[in-house]
C-alpha atoms as a PDB file:
ATOM      1  CA  MET A   1     -53.441  14.780-146.620  1.00  0.00           C
ATOM      2  CA  SER A   2     -49.822  14.348-145.693  1.00  0.00           C
ATOM      3  CA  THR A   3     -47.518  12.579-143.322  1.00  0.00           C
ATOM      4  CA  SER A   4     -44.256  14.091-142.142  1.00  0.00           C
ATOM      5  CA  SER A   5     -41.370  12.598-140.218  1.00  0.00           C
ATOM      6  CA  LEU A   6     -40.792  15.525-137.871  1.00  0.00           C
ATOM      7  CA  ALA A   7     -39.072  14.454-134.661  1.00  0.00           C
ATOM      8  CA  ARG A   8     -40.918  14.860-131.376  1.00  0.00           C
ATOM      9  CA  ALA A   9     -38.375  17.394-130.168  1.00  0.00           C
ATOM     10  CA  GLU A  10     -38.821  19.450-133.329  1.00  0.00           C
ATOM     11  CA  LEU A  11     -42.594  19.464-132.925  1.00  0.00           C
ATOM     12  CA  GLU A  12     -42.387  20.480-129.261  1.00  0.00           C
ATOM     13  CA  GLY A  13     -39.938  23.244-130.133  1.00  0.00           C
ATOM     14  CA  ARG A  14     -41.873  24.797-133.012  1.00  0.00           C
ATOM     15  CA  THR A  15     -42.144  28.550-132.650  1.00  0.00           C
ATOM     16  CA  GLY A  16     -44.825  29.351-135.212  1.00  0.00           C
ATOM     17  CA  GLY A  17     -47.992  31.247-134.434  1.00  0.00           C
ATOM     18  CA  ILE A  18     -50.826  29.722-132.471  1.00  0.00           C
ATOM     19  CA  TRP A  19     -52.838  29.200-135.677  1.00  0.00           C
ATOM     20  CA  ASP A  20     -50.057  27.331-137.484  1.00  0.00           C
ATOM     21  CA  TYR A  21     -51.287  23.995-136.177  1.00  0.00           C
ATOM     22  CA  VAL A  22     -53.445  22.311-133.537  1.00  0.00           C
ATOM     23  CA  SER A  23     -52.277  19.451-131.330  1.00  0.00           C
ATOM     24  CA  ALA A  24     -53.730  17.470-128.454  1.00  0.00           C
ATOM     25  CA  SER A  25     -51.084  18.860-126.090  1.00  0.00           C
ATOM     26  CA  ARG A  26     -51.953  22.442-127.074  1.00  0.00           C
ATOM     27  CA  LEU A  27     -55.655  21.824-126.613  1.00  0.00           C
ATOM     28  CA  ASN A  28     -55.143  20.094-123.267  1.00  0.00           C
ATOM     29  CA  LEU A  29     -52.977  22.939-121.984  1.00  0.00           C
ATOM     30  CA  TRP A  30     -55.607  25.480-123.051  1.00  0.00           C
ATOM     31  CA  LEU A  31     -58.341  23.557-121.242  1.00  0.00           C
ATOM     32  CA  LYS A  32     -56.168  23.100-118.163  1.00  0.00           C
ATOM     33  CA  CYS A  33     -54.784  26.637-117.886  1.00  0.00           C
ATOM     34  CA  PRO A  34     -55.340  29.363-120.523  1.00  0.00           C
ATOM     35  CA  LEU A  35     -52.657  31.504-118.864  1.00  0.00           C
ATOM     36  CA  ALA A  36     -50.050  28.750-119.221  1.00  0.00           C
ATOM     37  CA  PHE A  37     -51.100  28.385-122.870  1.00  0.00           C
ATOM     38  CA  ARG A  38     -50.608  32.103-123.443  1.00  0.00           C
ATOM     39  CA  LEU A  39     -47.199  32.155-121.777  1.00  0.00           C
ATOM     40  CA  ARG A  40     -45.954  29.256-123.870  1.00  0.00           C
ATOM     41  CA  TYR A  41     -47.570  29.674-127.270  1.00  0.00           C
ATOM     42  CA  VAL A  42     -48.303  33.401-127.469  1.00  0.00           C
ATOM     43  CA  ASP A  43     -45.494  34.940-125.404  1.00  0.00           C
ATOM     44  CA  GLY A  44     -43.019  32.203-126.313  1.00  0.00           C
ATOM     45  CA  ILE A  45     -41.775  31.638-122.764  1.00  0.00           C
ATOM     46  CA  TRP A  46     -40.054  28.260-122.699  1.00  0.00           C
ATOM     47  CA  THR A  47     -39.501  26.328-119.488  1.00  0.00           C
ATOM     48  CA  PRO A  48     -37.283  23.246-119.180  1.00  0.00           C
ATOM     49  CA  PRO A  49     -38.860  19.902-118.279  1.00  0.00           C
ATOM     50  CA  SER A  50     -39.189  18.958-114.633  1.00  0.00           C
ATOM     51  CA  PRO A  51     -37.161  15.968-113.383  1.00  0.00           C
ATOM     52  CA  SER A  52     -40.331  13.860-113.579  1.00  0.00           C
ATOM     53  CA  GLN A  53     -40.992  14.931-117.178  1.00  0.00           C
ATOM     54  CA  PHE A  54     -37.373  14.230-118.056  1.00  0.00           C
ATOM     55  CA  VAL A  55     -37.747  10.661-116.755  1.00  0.00           C
ATOM     56  CA  GLY A  56     -40.727  10.255-119.071  1.00  0.00           C
ATOM     57  CA  ARG A  57     -38.777  11.551-122.056  1.00  0.00           C
ATOM     58  CA  THR A  58     -35.860   9.268-121.279  1.00  0.00           C
ATOM     59  CA  VAL A  59     -38.177   6.260-121.111  1.00  0.00           C
ATOM     60  CA  HIS A  60     -39.695   7.276-124.447  1.00  0.00           C
ATOM     61  CA  ARG A  61     -36.213   7.405-125.984  1.00  0.00           C
ATOM     62  CA  GLY A  62     -35.455   3.938-124.677  1.00  0.00           C
ATOM     63  CA  LEU A  63     -38.653   2.468-126.101  1.00  0.00           C
ATOM     64  CA  GLU A  64     -38.070   4.250-129.391  1.00  0.00           C
ATOM     65  CA  ILE A  65     -34.611   2.639-129.642  1.00  0.00           C
ATOM     66  CA  TYR A  66     -36.147  -0.785-129.001  1.00  0.00           C
ATOM     67  CA  TYR A  67     -39.015  -0.467-131.480  1.00  0.00           C
ATOM     68  CA  ARG A  68     -36.977   1.121-134.263  1.00  0.00           C
ATOM     69  CA  HIS A  69     -34.755  -1.952-134.171  1.00  0.00           C
ATOM     70  CA  ARG A  70     -37.828  -4.198-134.061  1.00  0.00           C
ATOM     71  CA  GLN A  71     -38.948  -2.590-137.327  1.00  0.00           C
ATOM     72  CA  GLN A  72     -35.753  -4.024-138.813  1.00  0.00           C
ATOM     73  CA  ASN A  73     -36.467  -7.403-137.192  1.00  0.00           C
ATOM     74  CA  VAL A  74     -33.715  -6.853-134.597  1.00  0.00           C
ATOM     75  CA  ARG A  75     -34.528  -7.466-130.947  1.00  0.00           C
ATOM     76  CA  LEU A  76     -32.143  -5.556-128.661  1.00  0.00           C
ATOM     77  CA  LEU A  77     -31.537  -6.731-125.118  1.00  0.00           C
ATOM     78  CA  ALA A  78     -32.582  -4.457-122.267  1.00  0.00           C
ATOM     79  CA  ALA A  79     -28.924  -4.080-121.258  1.00  0.00           C
ATOM     80  CA  GLU A  80     -28.050  -2.715-124.704  1.00  0.00           C
ATOM     81  CA  ILE A  81     -30.788  -0.098-124.510  1.00  0.00           C
ATOM     82  CA  THR A  82     -30.024   1.025-120.970  1.00  0.00           C
ATOM     83  CA  GLU A  83     -26.340   1.298-121.911  1.00  0.00           C
ATOM     84  CA  ARG A  84     -27.270   3.714-124.688  1.00  0.00           C
ATOM     85  CA  LEU A  85     -29.474   5.757-122.372  1.00  0.00           C
ATOM     86  CA  LEU A  86     -26.671   6.015-119.821  1.00  0.00           C
ATOM     87  CA  ALA A  87     -24.266   7.183-122.525  1.00  0.00           C
ATOM     88  CA  GLN A  88     -26.745   9.891-123.618  1.00  0.00           C
ATOM     89  CA  TRP A  89     -27.833  10.997-120.133  1.00  0.00           C
ATOM     90  CA  GLU A  90     -25.495  13.934-119.491  1.00  0.00           C
ATOM     91  CA  GLU A  91     -25.890  15.330-123.000  1.00  0.00           C
ATOM     92  CA  ALA A  92     -29.706  15.080-122.766  1.00  0.00           C
ATOM     93  CA  VAL A  93     -29.734  16.817-119.359  1.00  0.00           C
ATOM     94  CA  ALA A  94     -27.669  19.697-120.739  1.00  0.00           C
ATOM     95  CA  CYS A  95     -29.634  19.927-124.008  1.00  0.00           C
ATOM     96  CA  GLU A  96     -33.034  20.036-122.321  1.00  0.00           C
ATOM     97  CA  GLY A  97     -31.905  22.253-119.450  1.00  0.00           C
ATOM     98  CA  VAL A  98     -33.433  20.089-116.737  1.00  0.00           C
ATOM     99  CA  GLN A  99     -32.402  21.017-113.176  1.00  0.00           C
ATOM    100  CA  PHE A 100     -32.045  18.386-110.474  1.00  0.00           C
ATOM    101  CA  PRO A 101     -32.020  19.746-106.892  1.00  0.00           C
ATOM    102  CA  THR A 102     -29.237  17.378-105.835  1.00  0.00           C
ATOM    103  CA  SER A 103     -26.930  14.826-107.404  1.00  0.00           C
ATOM    104  CA  ALA A 104     -28.704  12.134-105.372  1.00  0.00           C
ATOM    105  CA  GLU A 105     -32.040  13.055-106.959  1.00  0.00           C
ATOM    106  CA  GLU A 106     -30.489  12.976-110.413  1.00  0.00           C
ATOM    107  CA  SER A 107     -29.061   9.542-109.681  1.00  0.00           C
ATOM    108  CA  ALA A 108     -32.487   8.344-108.495  1.00  0.00           C
ATOM    109  CA  ALA A 109     -34.158   9.704-111.655  1.00  0.00           C
ATOM    110  CA  ARG A 110     -31.575   7.999-113.832  1.00  0.00           C
ATOM    111  CA  GLN A 111     -32.094   4.677-112.077  1.00  0.00           C
ATOM    112  CA  GLN A 112     -35.869   5.029-112.255  1.00  0.00           C
ATOM    113  CA  SER A 113     -35.679   5.634-116.011  1.00  0.00           C
ATOM    114  CA  LEU A 114     -33.596   2.512-116.561  1.00  0.00           C
ATOM    115  CA  ASP A 115     -35.798   0.398-114.294  1.00  0.00           C
ATOM    116  CA  LEU A 116     -38.956   1.442-116.138  1.00  0.00           C
ATOM    117  CA  VAL A 117     -37.443   0.495-119.496  1.00  0.00           C
ATOM    118  CA  ARG A 118     -36.293  -2.872-118.132  1.00  0.00           C
ATOM    119  CA  VAL A 119     -39.693  -3.681-116.637  1.00  0.00           C
ATOM    120  CA  TYR A 120     -41.486  -2.722-119.852  1.00  0.00           C
ATOM    121  CA  LEU A 121     -39.268  -4.929-122.006  1.00  0.00           C
ATOM    122  CA  ALA A 122     -39.474  -7.831-119.553  1.00  0.00           C
ATOM    123  CA  GLN A 123     -43.264  -8.003-119.788  1.00  0.00           C
ATOM    124  CA  LEU A 124     -43.515  -7.883-123.586  1.00  0.00           C
ATOM    125  CA  PRO A 125     -44.955 -11.031-125.145  1.00  0.00           C
ATOM    126  CA  ALA A 126     -42.436 -12.929-127.251  1.00  0.00           C
ATOM    127  CA  GLY A 127     -44.847 -12.874-130.166  1.00  0.00           C
ATOM    128  CA  GLU A 128     -45.521  -9.136-130.286  1.00  0.00           C
ATOM    129  CA  PRO A 129     -45.501  -8.247-134.002  1.00  0.00           C
ATOM    130  CA  ARG A 130     -43.084  -5.842-135.607  1.00  0.00           C
ATOM    131  CA  PRO A 131     -44.392  -2.258-135.445  1.00  0.00           C
ATOM    132  CA  LEU A 132     -45.889  -0.453-138.404  1.00  0.00           C
ATOM    133  CA  ALA A 133     -44.720   2.919-137.085  1.00  0.00           C
ATOM    134  CA  ILE A 134     -42.761   4.292-134.139  1.00  0.00           C
ATOM    135  CA  GLU A 135     -42.470   7.910-132.948  1.00  0.00           C
ATOM    136  CA  THR A 136     -44.074   9.177-136.144  1.00  0.00           C
ATOM    137  CA  THR A 137     -45.405  12.698-136.536  1.00  0.00           C
ATOM    138  CA  LEU A 138     -48.667  12.769-138.500  1.00  0.00           C
ATOM    139  CA  LYS A 139     -50.187  15.895-140.008  1.00  0.00           C
ATOM    140  CA  ALA A 140     -53.628  16.244-141.587  1.00  0.00           C
ATOM    141  CA  PRO A 141     -56.031  19.128-142.283  1.00  0.00           C
ATOM    142  CA  LEU A 142     -58.918  19.623-139.886  1.00  0.00           C
ATOM    143  CA  LEU A 143     -62.214  19.248-141.739  1.00  0.00           C
ATOM    144  CA  ASP A 144     -65.619  20.675-140.930  1.00  0.00           C
ATOM    145  CA  SER A 145     -67.741  17.770-139.673  1.00  0.00           C
ATOM    146  CA  VAL A 146     -70.757  18.905-141.720  1.00  0.00           C
ATOM    147  CA  SER A 147     -69.406  20.342-144.971  1.00  0.00           C
ATOM    148  CA  GLY A 148     -66.164  18.373-145.133  1.00  0.00           C
ATOM    149  CA  GLN A 149     -64.275  21.537-146.051  1.00  0.00           C
ATOM    150  CA  SER A 150     -60.834  22.263-144.648  1.00  0.00           C
ATOM    151  CA  LEU A 151     -60.742  24.672-141.700  1.00  0.00           C
ATOM    152  CA  GLY A 152     -57.389  25.983-142.874  1.00  0.00           C
ATOM    153  CA  ILE A 153     -55.351  24.634-139.960  1.00  0.00           C
ATOM    154  CA  PRO A 154     -53.745  21.193-139.597  1.00  0.00           C
ATOM    155  CA  LEU A 155     -53.832  18.794-136.698  1.00  0.00           C
ATOM    156  CA  VAL A 156     -50.353  17.547-135.769  1.00  0.00           C
ATOM    157  CA  ARG A 157     -49.411  14.815-133.325  1.00  0.00           C
ATOM    158  CA  VAL A 158     -46.581  12.393-132.578  1.00  0.00           C
ATOM    159  CA  ILE A 159     -47.888   8.823-132.358  1.00  0.00           C
ATOM    160  CA  ASP A 160     -45.708   6.657-130.139  1.00  0.00           C
ATOM    161  CA  LEU A 161     -46.382   3.244-131.654  1.00  0.00           C
ATOM    162  CA  VAL A 162     -48.634   1.557-134.213  1.00  0.00           C
ATOM    163  CA  LEU A 163     -48.863  -2.232-134.127  1.00  0.00           C
ATOM    164  CA  PRO A 164     -50.649  -4.546-136.547  1.00  0.00           C
ATOM    165  CA  GLY A 165     -53.689  -6.303-135.118  1.00  0.00           C
ATOM    166  CA  ALA A 166     -55.984  -8.993-136.448  1.00  0.00           C
ATOM    167  CA  ASP A 167     -58.456  -6.421-137.806  1.00  0.00           C
ATOM    168  CA  GLY A 168     -56.311  -3.334-138.383  1.00  0.00           C
ATOM    169  CA  ALA A 169     -53.949  -0.980-136.606  1.00  0.00           C
ATOM    170  CA  ILE A 170     -53.549  -0.755-132.832  1.00  0.00           C
ATOM    171  CA  ILE A 171     -52.547   2.837-132.010  1.00  0.00           C
ATOM    172  CA  THR A 172     -50.502   2.874-128.811  1.00  0.00           C
ATOM    173  CA  ASP A 173     -49.416   5.680-126.492  1.00  0.00           C
ATOM    174  CA  PHE A 174     -46.774   5.406-123.755  1.00  0.00           C
ATOM    175  CA  LYS A 175     -47.219   7.243-120.465  1.00  0.00           C
ATOM    176  CA  THR A 176     -45.110   7.392-117.329  1.00  0.00           C
ATOM    177  CA  THR A 177     -47.212   7.997-114.265  1.00  0.00           C
ATOM    178  CA  ALA A 178     -46.839   8.096-110.499  1.00  0.00           C
ATOM    179  CA  ARG A 179     -50.023   6.109-109.909  1.00  0.00           C
ATOM    180  CA  GLY A 180     -51.572   3.121-111.592  1.00  0.00           C
ATOM    181  CA  GLY A 181     -55.120   1.807-111.649  1.00  0.00           C
ATOM    182  CA  GLU A 182     -57.989   1.916-114.095  1.00  0.00           C
ATOM    183  CA  LEU A 183     -58.018   4.981-116.339  1.00  0.00           C
ATOM    184  CA  LEU A 184     -61.087   7.088-116.988  1.00  0.00           C
ATOM    185  CA  GLU A 185     -61.478   7.041-120.756  1.00  0.00           C
ATOM    186  CA  ILE A 186     -63.022  10.524-120.739  1.00  0.00           C
ATOM    187  CA  SER A 187     -59.796  11.982-119.301  1.00  0.00           C
ATOM    188  CA  HIS A 188     -57.923  10.804-122.407  1.00  0.00           C
ATOM    189  CA  GLU A 189     -60.731  11.325-124.897  1.00  0.00           C
ATOM    190  CA  LEU A 190     -59.202  14.336-126.648  1.00  0.00           C
ATOM    191  CA  GLN A 191     -55.857  12.640-127.139  1.00  0.00           C
ATOM    192  CA  LEU A 192     -57.336   9.318-128.269  1.00  0.00           C
ATOM    193  CA  SER A 193     -59.648  11.037-130.751  1.00  0.00           C
ATOM    194  CA  CYS A 194     -56.736  13.051-132.181  1.00  0.00           C
ATOM    195  CA  TYR A 195     -54.767   9.827-132.692  1.00  0.00           C
ATOM    196  CA  SER A 196     -57.734   8.198-134.368  1.00  0.00           C
ATOM    197  CA  TYR A 197     -58.447  11.170-136.636  1.00  0.00           C
ATOM    198  CA  LEU A 198     -54.849  11.416-137.811  1.00  0.00           C
ATOM    199  CA  HIS A 199     -54.581   7.691-138.448  1.00  0.00           C
ATOM    200  CA  ARG A 200     -57.739   7.672-140.536  1.00  0.00           C
ATOM    201  CA  GLN A 201     -56.636  10.699-142.533  1.00  0.00           C
ATOM    202  CA  THR A 202     -53.158   9.352-143.325  1.00  0.00           C
ATOM    203  CA  SER A 203     -53.416   5.559-143.493  1.00  0.00           C
ATOM    204  CA  PRO A 204     -55.541   3.114-145.527  1.00  0.00           C
ATOM    205  CA  LEU A 205     -55.326   0.537-142.718  1.00  0.00           C
ATOM    206  CA  PRO A 206     -58.489   0.267-140.578  1.00  0.00           C
ATOM    207  CA  GLU A 207     -58.300   1.327-136.942  1.00  0.00           C
ATOM    208  CA  GLU A 208     -58.785  -1.691-134.679  1.00  0.00           C
ATOM    209  CA  ALA A 209     -58.210  -0.159-131.232  1.00  0.00           C
ATOM    210  CA  LEU A 210     -56.399   2.469-129.214  1.00  0.00           C
ATOM    211  CA  GLU A 211     -54.170   1.580-126.302  1.00  0.00           C
ATOM    212  CA  ILE A 212     -52.442   3.383-123.445  1.00  0.00           C
ATOM    213  CA  ARG A 213     -49.483   1.601-121.898  1.00  0.00           C
ATOM    214  CA  SER A 214     -48.743   3.157-118.515  1.00  0.00           C
ATOM    215  CA  LEU A 215     -45.293   2.711-116.967  1.00  0.00           C
ATOM    216  CA  VAL A 216     -45.985   3.227-113.281  1.00  0.00           C
ATOM    217  CA  LYS A 217     -43.226   4.837-111.198  1.00  0.00           C
ATOM    218  CA  THR A 218     -43.913   2.969-107.972  1.00  0.00           C
ATOM    219  CA  LYS A 219     -41.179   1.534-105.730  1.00  0.00           C
ATOM    220  CA  ILE A 220     -41.445  -1.657-107.739  1.00  0.00           C
ATOM    221  CA  PRO A 221     -42.169  -0.379-111.286  1.00  0.00           C
ATOM    222  CA  ARG A 222     -44.903  -2.019-113.286  1.00  0.00           C
ATOM    223  CA  VAL A 223     -46.688  -1.707-116.624  1.00  0.00           C
ATOM    224  CA  GLU A 224     -50.464  -1.427-117.080  1.00  0.00           C
ATOM    225  CA  SER A 225     -52.205  -1.610-120.460  1.00  0.00           C
ATOM    226  CA  HIS A 226     -55.603  -0.065-121.155  1.00  0.00           C
ATOM    227  CA  ARG A 227     -57.366  -0.690-124.459  1.00  0.00           C
ATOM    228  CA  TYR A 228     -60.234   1.281-125.995  1.00  0.00           C
ATOM    229  CA  GLY A 229     -62.394   0.649-129.020  1.00  0.00           C
ATOM    230  CA  ALA A 230     -62.135   2.437-132.352  1.00  0.00           C
ATOM    231  CA  ARG A 231     -63.596   5.934-132.339  1.00  0.00           C
ATOM    232  CA  SER A 232     -67.036   6.559-133.808  1.00  0.00           C
ATOM    233  CA  ALA A 233     -68.145   9.558-135.875  1.00  0.00           C
ATOM    234  CA  ALA A 234     -69.609  11.094-132.700  1.00  0.00           C
ATOM    235  CA  HIS A 235     -66.125  11.393-131.193  1.00  0.00           C
ATOM    236  CA  TYR A 236     -65.160  13.968-133.831  1.00  0.00           C
ATOM    237  CA  LEU A 237     -68.100  16.315-133.321  1.00  0.00           C
END
């Protein structure tokens, strides 16, 4: 069992064969559209992120900056984080190859990214504990649920945030979404179970809960948190 510190971008850009590793994003794409899976992971056809996806990645970068400093017991102001994102914007657009139809739409996406980060930081409780992990790539072998033997292929996933709770670790995922409201747990079951499996395989700390923090891209941005209980053995079957 091993943990690696691969960056999210490195994981997303891996070009190995389809049996090199399994991830929740690969499995979800296969279930959603086998053709899209083939084009990306078999034929190796890469497509740049959409403007909406780029907003999500920018928000993730902003939250990563905040929480990496929190690990060092430093609490950055929202203005400091948004200043860094603005300074990185043009380079990130060029690096990721994202295409905005017009300069006005790019400006709107940039403003939306900054607003979402500001709203998220504004609603954080003052007493939120320092994170145990932030943007960490975990890797563990997949085991047969009956025999316990390795299936010869690892599960790999970037976990956005792990916070200490009263009874163990709270595994947290950030999402940017166009709509808010109550989430159907079943629609996130695969992802949540992957997080849980990797945490249990790579950490001695008990799993207390799993959480999805949704940053909603409405006219007035808001944050919604949805918490789910620890996974049971049945979730891994």
